[in-house]
Amino acid sequence: MSREEFEQWAEKNGWKRDRFGHYHKGDLRLKLQAKTVRLERSHRTEDTQYRKGEKRWIRIRSGYYGKLSLSAENKLIGLKR
């Protein structure tokens, strides 16, 4: 699968593109890089007495575009932990 094919799949399956070129759905993000894609979940750190909380992204799975494929049910195959 190429990056363009992956982007078409993401748009058809309800993922919304942000200004940085990544795709979001709920608290999940597909971070597109040159050769790989990463599935990440957002995490908010707590506010403390000394510092304000931050929004961070935790990697769940990742994979190379060339190793990704679609199943018969149009589900993505090839993202590894």
PDB file of N, CA and C in Angstrom:
ATOM      1  N   MET A   1       0.845  -1.170   0.000  1.00  0.00           N
ATOM      2  CA  MET A   1       0.000   0.000   0.000  1.00  0.00           C
ATOM      3  C   MET A   1       0.893   1.237   0.000  1.00  0.00           C
ATOM      4  N   SER A   2       0.541   2.216  -0.771  1.00  0.00           N
ATOM      5  CA  SER A   2       1.292   3.471  -0.811  1.00  0.00           C
ATOM      6  C   SER A   2       0.688   4.464   0.187  1.00  0.00           C
ATOM      7  N   ARG A   3       1.398   5.547   0.404  1.00  0.00           N
ATOM      8  CA  ARG A   3       0.895   6.572   1.333  1.00  0.00           C
ATOM      9  C   ARG A   3      -0.410   7.171   0.817  1.00  0.00           C
ATOM     10  N   GLU A   4      -0.499   7.394  -0.485  1.00  0.00           N
ATOM     11  CA  GLU A   4      -1.718   7.957  -1.072  1.00  0.00           C
ATOM     12  C   GLU A   4      -2.904   7.018  -0.878  1.00  0.00           C
ATOM     13  N   GLU A   5      -2.693   5.708  -1.074  1.00  0.00           N
ATOM     14  CA  GLU A   5      -3.755   4.729  -0.854  1.00  0.00           C
ATOM     15  C   GLU A   5      -4.177   4.716   0.612  1.00  0.00           C
ATOM     16  N   PHE A   6      -3.193   4.836   1.508  1.00  0.00           N
ATOM     17  CA  PHE A   6      -3.505   4.869   2.936  1.00  0.00           C
ATOM     18  C   PHE A   6      -4.345   6.094   3.281  1.00  0.00           C
ATOM     19  N   GLU A   7      -3.991   7.256   2.737  1.00  0.00           N
ATOM     20  CA  GLU A   7      -4.755   8.478   3.008  1.00  0.00           C
ATOM     21  C   GLU A   7      -6.181   8.356   2.487  1.00  0.00           C
ATOM     22  N   GLN A   8      -6.363   7.752   1.320  1.00  0.00           N
ATOM     23  CA  GLN A   8      -7.708   7.548   0.786  1.00  0.00           C
ATOM     24  C   GLN A   8      -8.513   6.636   1.702  1.00  0.00           C
ATOM     25  N   TRP A   9      -7.890   5.560   2.193  1.00  0.00           N
ATOM     26  CA  TRP A   9      -8.569   4.641   3.110  1.00  0.00           C
ATOM     27  C   TRP A   9      -8.981   5.376   4.384  1.00  0.00           C
ATOM     28  N   ALA A  10      -8.086   6.195   4.941  1.00  0.00           N
ATOM     29  CA  ALA A  10      -8.371   6.911   6.190  1.00  0.00           C
ATOM     30  C   ALA A  10      -9.560   7.862   6.013  1.00  0.00           C
ATOM     31  N   GLU A  11      -9.584   8.608   4.924  1.00  0.00           N
ATOM     32  CA  GLU A  11     -10.681   9.544   4.685  1.00  0.00           C
ATOM     33  C   GLU A  11     -12.010   8.825   4.491  1.00  0.00           C
ATOM     34  N   LYS A  12     -11.988   7.675   3.806  1.00  0.00           N
ATOM     35  CA  LYS A  12     -13.223   6.916   3.582  1.00  0.00           C
ATOM     36  C   LYS A  12     -13.748   6.290   4.865  1.00  0.00           C
ATOM     37  N   ASN A  13     -12.890   6.097   5.858  1.00  0.00           N
ATOM     38  CA  ASN A  13     -13.293   5.437   7.095  1.00  0.00           C
ATOM     39  C   ASN A  13     -13.471   6.408   8.262  1.00  0.00           C
ATOM     40  N   GLY A  14     -13.705   7.675   7.975  1.00  0.00           N
ATOM     41  CA  GLY A  14     -14.091   8.633   9.001  1.00  0.00           C
ATOM     42  C   GLY A  14     -12.968   9.346   9.728  1.00  0.00           C
ATOM     43  N   TRP A  15     -11.731   9.174   9.312  1.00  0.00           N
ATOM     44  CA  TRP A  15     -10.612   9.891   9.927  1.00  0.00           C
ATOM     45  C   TRP A  15     -10.563  11.293   9.341  1.00  0.00           C
ATOM     46  N   LYS A  16     -10.373  12.299  10.183  1.00  0.00           N
ATOM     47  CA  LYS A  16     -10.319  13.702   9.758  1.00  0.00           C
ATOM     48  C   LYS A  16      -8.885  14.200   9.780  1.00  0.00           C
ATOM     49  N   ARG A  17      -8.472  14.857   8.704  1.00  0.00           N
ATOM     50  CA  ARG A  17      -7.109  15.368   8.584  1.00  0.00           C
ATOM     51  C   ARG A  17      -6.965  16.707   9.308  1.00  0.00           C
ATOM     52  N   ASP A  18      -5.858  16.878  10.048  1.00  0.00           N
ATOM     53  CA  ASP A  18      -5.604  18.147  10.720  1.00  0.00           C
ATOM     54  C   ASP A  18      -4.629  18.995   9.903  1.00  0.00           C
ATOM     55  N   ARG A  19      -4.278  20.145  10.427  1.00  0.00           N
ATOM     56  CA  ARG A  19      -3.412  21.067   9.685  1.00  0.00           C
ATOM     57  C   ARG A  19      -1.987  20.560   9.529  1.00  0.00           C
ATOM     58  N   PHE A  20      -1.591  19.562  10.314  1.00  0.00           N
ATOM     59  CA  PHE A  20      -0.247  18.997  10.220  1.00  0.00           C
ATOM     60  C   PHE A  20      -0.181  17.788   9.288  1.00  0.00           C
ATOM     61  N   GLY A  21      -1.323  17.344   8.773  1.00  0.00           N
ATOM     62  CA  GLY A  21      -1.360  16.209   7.865  1.00  0.00           C
ATOM     63  C   GLY A  21      -1.608  14.877   8.550  1.00  0.00           C
ATOM     64  N   HIS A  22      -1.914  14.890   9.858  1.00  0.00           N
ATOM     65  CA  HIS A  22      -2.221  13.671  10.583  1.00  0.00           C
ATOM     66  C   HIS A  22      -3.732  13.482  10.591  1.00  0.00           C
ATOM     67  N   TYR A  23      -4.177  12.260  10.856  1.00  0.00           N
ATOM     68  CA  TYR A  23      -5.606  11.952  10.865  1.00  0.00           C
ATOM     69  C   TYR A  23      -6.063  11.644  12.285  1.00  0.00           C
ATOM     70  N   HIS A  24      -7.243  12.170  12.661  1.00  0.00           N
ATOM     71  CA  HIS A  24      -7.780  12.012  14.011  1.00  0.00           C
ATOM     72  C   HIS A  24      -9.169  11.393  13.957  1.00  0.00           C
ATOM     73  N   LYS A  25      -9.454  10.578  14.983  1.00  0.00           N
ATOM     74  CA  LYS A  25     -10.792  10.029  15.208  1.00  0.00           C
ATOM     75  C   LYS A  25     -10.915   9.823  16.709  1.00  0.00           C
ATOM     76  N   GLY A  26     -11.725  10.637  17.362  1.00  0.00           N
ATOM     77  CA  GLY A  26     -11.840  10.568  18.812  1.00  0.00           C
ATOM     78  C   GLY A  26     -10.518  10.947  19.470  1.00  0.00           C
ATOM     79  N   ASP A  27     -10.041  10.099  20.369  1.00  0.00           N
ATOM     80  CA  ASP A  27      -8.755  10.376  21.022  1.00  0.00           C
ATOM     81  C   ASP A  27      -7.603   9.614  20.371  1.00  0.00           C
ATOM     82  N   LEU A  28      -7.818   9.110  19.148  1.00  0.00           N
ATOM     83  CA  LEU A  28      -6.774   8.411  18.395  1.00  0.00           C
ATOM     84  C   LEU A  28      -6.226   9.300  17.291  1.00  0.00           C
ATOM     85  N   ARG A  29      -4.975   9.055  16.923  1.00  0.00           N
ATOM     86  CA  ARG A  29      -4.337   9.805  15.839  1.00  0.00           C
ATOM     87  C   ARG A  29      -3.517   8.845  14.996  1.00  0.00           C
ATOM     88  N   LEU A  30      -3.589   9.013  13.682  1.00  0.00           N
ATOM     89  CA  LEU A  30      -2.703   8.333  12.744  1.00  0.00           C
ATOM     90  C   LEU A  30      -1.657   9.362  12.336  1.00  0.00           C
ATOM     91  N   LYS A  31      -0.439   9.189  12.823  1.00  0.00           N
ATOM     92  CA  LYS A  31       0.629  10.135  12.526  1.00  0.00           C
ATOM     93  C   LYS A  31       1.374   9.628  11.294  1.00  0.00           C
ATOM     94  N   LEU A  32       1.291  10.384  10.208  1.00  0.00           N
ATOM     95  CA  LEU A  32       1.938   9.999   8.960  1.00  0.00           C
ATOM     96  C   LEU A  32       3.363  10.538   8.922  1.00  0.00           C
ATOM     97  N   GLN A  33       4.307   9.661   8.621  1.00  0.00           N
ATOM     98  CA  GLN A  33       5.694  10.037   8.475  1.00  0.00           C
ATOM     99  C   GLN A  33       6.141   9.654   7.069  1.00  0.00           C
ATOM    100  N   ALA A  34       7.382   9.870   6.741  1.00  0.00           N
ATOM    101  CA  ALA A  34       7.863   9.639   5.381  1.00  0.00           C
ATOM    102  C   ALA A  34       7.649   8.189   4.917  1.00  0.00           C
ATOM    103  N   LYS A  35       8.021   7.213   5.735  1.00  0.00           N
ATOM    104  CA  LYS A  35       7.910   5.806   5.345  1.00  0.00           C
ATOM    105  C   LYS A  35       6.989   4.996   6.233  1.00  0.00           C
ATOM    106  N   THR A  36       6.566   5.576   7.363  1.00  0.00           N
ATOM    107  CA  THR A  36       5.769   4.823   8.325  1.00  0.00           C
ATOM    108  C   THR A  36       4.541   5.605   8.764  1.00  0.00           C
ATOM    109  N   VAL A  37       3.624   4.881   9.386  1.00  0.00           N
ATOM    110  CA  VAL A  37       2.451   5.479  10.013  1.00  0.00           C
ATOM    111  C   VAL A  37       2.393   4.951  11.441  1.00  0.00           C
ATOM    112  N   ARG A  38       1.997   5.811  12.377  1.00  0.00           N
ATOM    113  CA  ARG A  38       1.886   5.421  13.778  1.00  0.00           C
ATOM    114  C   ARG A  38       0.476   5.666  14.270  1.00  0.00           C
ATOM    115  N   LEU A  39      -0.104   4.685  14.945  1.00  0.00           N
ATOM    116  CA  LEU A  39      -1.386   4.837  15.615  1.00  0.00           C
ATOM    117  C   LEU A  39      -1.080   5.228  17.047  1.00  0.00           C
ATOM    118  N   GLU A  40      -1.611   6.377  17.485  1.00  0.00           N
ATOM    119  CA  GLU A  40      -1.315   6.908  18.807  1.00  0.00           C
ATOM    120  C   GLU A  40      -2.606   7.275  19.536  1.00  0.00           C
ATOM    121  N   ARG A  41      -2.556   7.246  20.870  1.00  0.00           N
ATOM    122  CA  ARG A  41      -3.680   7.646  21.707  1.00  0.00           C
ATOM    123  C   ARG A  41      -3.252   8.871  22.509  1.00  0.00           C
ATOM    124  N   SER A  42      -4.168   9.823  22.674  1.00  0.00           N
ATOM    125  CA  SER A  42      -3.835  11.024  23.441  1.00  0.00           C
ATOM    126  C   SER A  42      -3.871  10.726  24.935  1.00  0.00           C
ATOM    127  N   HIS A  43      -3.017  11.422  25.651  1.00  0.00           N
ATOM    128  CA  HIS A  43      -2.931  11.278  27.099  1.00  0.00           C
ATOM    129  C   HIS A  43      -2.689  12.660  27.678  1.00  0.00           C
ATOM    130  N   ARG A  44      -3.451  13.001  28.686  1.00  0.00           N
ATOM    131  CA  ARG A  44      -3.314  14.306  29.337  1.00  0.00           C
ATOM    132  C   ARG A  44      -2.666  14.104  30.704  1.00  0.00           C
ATOM    133  N   THR A  45      -1.534  14.772  30.940  1.00  0.00           N
ATOM    134  CA  THR A  45      -0.879  14.699  32.238  1.00  0.00           C
ATOM    135  C   THR A  45      -1.613  15.619  33.207  1.00  0.00           C
ATOM    136  N   GLU A  46      -1.498  15.322  34.470  1.00  0.00           N
ATOM    137  CA  GLU A  46      -2.208  16.099  35.485  1.00  0.00           C
ATOM    138  C   GLU A  46      -1.489  17.409  35.790  1.00  0.00           C
ATOM    139  N   ASP A  47      -2.280  18.388  36.195  1.00  0.00           N
ATOM    140  CA  ASP A  47      -1.714  19.638  36.696  1.00  0.00           C
ATOM    141  C   ASP A  47      -1.124  19.379  38.090  1.00  0.00           C
ATOM    142  N   THR A  48       0.015  19.977  38.351  1.00  0.00           N
ATOM    143  CA  THR A  48       0.612  19.890  39.688  1.00  0.00           C
ATOM    144  C   THR A  48       0.800  21.296  40.227  1.00  0.00           C
ATOM    145  N   GLN A  49       1.340  21.381  41.403  1.00  0.00           N
ATOM    146  CA  GLN A  49       1.586  22.671  42.023  1.00  0.00           C
ATOM    147  C   GLN A  49       2.620  23.465  41.232  1.00  0.00           C
ATOM    148  N   TYR A  50       3.529  22.762  40.562  1.00  0.00           N
ATOM    149  CA  TYR A  50       4.653  23.413  39.896  1.00  0.00           C
ATOM    150  C   TYR A  50       4.554  23.465  38.379  1.00  0.00           C
ATOM    151  N   ARG A  51       3.609  22.722  37.805  1.00  0.00           N
ATOM    152  CA  ARG A  51       3.563  22.672  36.346  1.00  0.00           C
ATOM    153  C   ARG A  51       2.170  22.359  35.852  1.00  0.00           C
ATOM    154  N   LYS A  52       1.862  22.922  34.706  1.00  0.00           N
ATOM    155  CA  LYS A  52       0.568  22.698  34.073  1.00  0.00           C
ATOM    156  C   LYS A  52       0.599  21.370  33.312  1.00  0.00           C
ATOM    157  N   GLY A  53      -0.533  20.687  33.275  1.00  0.00           N
ATOM    158  CA  GLY A  53      -0.621  19.425  32.544  1.00  0.00           C
ATOM    159  C   GLY A  53      -0.445  19.635  31.048  1.00  0.00           C
ATOM    160  N   GLU A  54      -0.034  18.577  30.354  1.00  0.00           N
ATOM    161  CA  GLU A  54       0.199  18.633  28.911  1.00  0.00           C
ATOM    162  C   GLU A  54      -0.555  17.519  28.203  1.00  0.00           C
ATOM    163  N   LYS A  55      -0.847  17.753  26.928  1.00  0.00           N
ATOM    164  CA  LYS A  55      -1.416  16.702  26.099  1.00  0.00           C
ATOM    165  C   LYS A  55      -0.258  16.020  25.390  1.00  0.00           C
ATOM    166  N   ARG A  56      -0.187  14.693  25.518  1.00  0.00           N
ATOM    167  CA  ARG A  56       0.880  13.916  24.887  1.00  0.00           C
ATOM    168  C   ARG A  56       0.275  12.785  24.086  1.00  0.00           C
ATOM    169  N   TRP A  57       1.084  12.209  23.202  1.00  0.00           N
ATOM    170  CA  TRP A  57       0.648  11.105  22.359  1.00  0.00           C
ATOM    171  C   TRP A  57       1.457   9.868  22.678  1.00  0.00           C
ATOM    172  N   ILE A  58       0.765   8.743  22.883  1.00  0.00           N
ATOM    173  CA  ILE A  58       1.403   7.470  23.209  1.00  0.00           C
ATOM    174  C   ILE A  58       1.227   6.534  22.017  1.00  0.00           C
ATOM    175  N   ARG A  59       2.348   5.972  21.536  1.00  0.00           N
ATOM    176  CA  ARG A  59       2.293   5.056  20.391  1.00  0.00           C
ATOM    177  C   ARG A  59       1.655   3.737  20.791  1.00  0.00           C
ATOM    178  N   ILE A  60       0.698   3.293  19.990  1.00  0.00           N
ATOM    179  CA  ILE A  60       0.047   2.010  20.215  1.00  0.00           C
ATOM    180  C   ILE A  60       0.599   0.987  19.220  1.00  0.00           C
ATOM    181  N   ARG A  61       0.602   1.352  17.957  1.00  0.00           N
ATOM    182  CA  ARG A  61       1.108   0.480  16.888  1.00  0.00           C
ATOM    183  C   ARG A  61       1.766   1.336  15.813  1.00  0.00           C
ATOM    184  N   SER A  62       2.581   0.698  14.971  1.00  0.00           N
ATOM    185  CA  SER A  62       3.201   1.405  13.851  1.00  0.00           C
ATOM    186  C   SER A  62       3.524   0.398  12.758  1.00  0.00           C
ATOM    187  N   GLY A  63       3.771   0.900  11.557  1.00  0.00           N
ATOM    188  CA  GLY A  63       4.118   0.029  10.450  1.00  0.00           C
ATOM    189  C   GLY A  63       4.534   0.815   9.221  1.00  0.00           C
ATOM    190  N   TYR A  64       5.252   0.125   8.338  1.00  0.00           N
ATOM    191  CA  TYR A  64       5.661   0.712   7.065  1.00  0.00           C
ATOM    192  C   TYR A  64       4.491   0.683   6.090  1.00  0.00           C
ATOM    193  N   TYR A  65       4.386   1.713   5.255  1.00  0.00           N
ATOM    194  CA  TYR A  65       3.311   1.758   4.258  1.00  0.00           C
ATOM    195  C   TYR A  65       3.346   0.516   3.368  1.00  0.00           C
ATOM    196  N   GLY A  66       4.532   0.098   2.957  1.00  0.00           N
ATOM    197  CA  GLY A  66       4.672  -1.044   2.054  1.00  0.00           C
ATOM    198  C   GLY A  66       4.202  -2.361   2.639  1.00  0.00           C
ATOM    199  N   LYS A  67       4.119  -2.460   3.958  1.00  0.00           N
ATOM    200  CA  LYS A  67       3.690  -3.701   4.602  1.00  0.00           C
ATOM    201  C   LYS A  67       2.227  -3.667   5.027  1.00  0.00           C
ATOM    202  N   LEU A  68       1.537  -2.558   4.767  1.00  0.00           N
ATOM    203  CA  LEU A  68       0.124  -2.450   5.116  1.00  0.00           C
ATOM    204  C   LEU A  68      -0.742  -3.005   4.001  1.00  0.00           C
ATOM    205  N   SER A  69      -1.882  -3.571   4.391  1.00  0.00           N
ATOM    206  CA  SER A  69      -2.854  -4.060   3.415  1.00  0.00           C
ATOM    207  C   SER A  69      -4.239  -3.985   4.038  1.00  0.00           C
ATOM    208  N   LEU A  70      -5.252  -4.291   3.245  1.00  0.00           N
ATOM    209  CA  LEU A  70      -6.634  -4.257   3.718  1.00  0.00           C
ATOM    210  C   LEU A  70      -7.218  -5.655   3.705  1.00  0.00           C
ATOM    211  N   SER A  71      -8.032  -5.967   4.717  1.00  0.00           N
ATOM    212  CA  SER A  71      -8.709  -7.265   4.771  1.00  0.00           C
ATOM    213  C   SER A  71      -9.960  -7.208   3.898  1.00  0.00           C
ATOM    214  N   ALA A  72     -10.653  -8.335   3.820  1.00  0.00           N
ATOM    215  CA  ALA A  72     -11.893  -8.393   3.042  1.00  0.00           C
ATOM    216  C   ALA A  72     -12.959  -7.475   3.638  1.00  0.00           C
ATOM    217  N   GLU A  73     -12.880  -7.206   4.951  1.00  0.00           N
ATOM    218  CA  GLU A  73     -13.835  -6.319   5.622  1.00  0.00           C
ATOM    219  C   GLU A  73     -13.386  -4.863   5.587  1.00  0.00           C
ATOM    220  N   ASN A  74     -12.354  -4.534   4.791  1.00  0.00           N
ATOM    221  CA  ASN A  74     -11.803  -3.187   4.642  1.00  0.00           C
ATOM    222  C   ASN A  74     -11.127  -2.704   5.928  1.00  0.00           C
ATOM    223  N   LYS A  75     -10.547  -3.634   6.700  1.00  0.00           N
ATOM    224  CA  LYS A  75      -9.804  -3.284   7.904  1.00  0.00           C
ATOM    225  C   LYS A  75      -8.311  -3.300   7.596  1.00  0.00           C
ATOM    226  N   LEU A  76      -7.594  -2.433   8.258  1.00  0.00           N
ATOM    227  CA  LEU A  76      -6.154  -2.284   8.044  1.00  0.00           C
ATOM    228  C   LEU A  76      -5.395  -3.432   8.694  1.00  0.00           C
ATOM    229  N   ILE A  77      -4.472  -4.032   7.942  1.00  0.00           N
ATOM    230  CA  ILE A  77      -3.628  -5.125   8.430  1.00  0.00           C
ATOM    231  C   ILE A  77      -2.169  -4.684   8.300  1.00  0.00           C
ATOM    232  N   GLY A  78      -1.368  -4.949   9.306  1.00  0.00           N
ATOM    233  CA  GLY A  78       0.061  -4.694   9.192  1.00  0.00           C
ATOM    234  C   GLY A  78       0.638  -3.756  10.224  1.00  0.00           C
ATOM    235  N   LEU A  79      -0.191  -3.148  11.065  1.00  0.00           N
ATOM    236  CA  LEU A  79       0.352  -2.308  12.132  1.00  0.00           C
ATOM    237  C   LEU A  79       0.788  -3.205  13.272  1.00  0.00           C
ATOM    238  N   LYS A  80       2.050  -3.089  13.670  1.00  0.00           N
ATOM    239  CA  LYS A  80       2.632  -3.935  14.715  1.00  0.00           C
ATOM    240  C   LYS A  80       2.778  -3.166  16.006  1.00  0.00           C
ATOM    241  N   ARG A  81       2.798  -3.887  17.118  1.00  0.00           N
ATOM    242  CA  ARG A  81       2.988  -3.264  18.438  1.00  0.00           C
ATOM    243  C   ARG A  81       4.400  -2.855  18.654  1.00  0.00           C
TER     244      ARG A  81
END
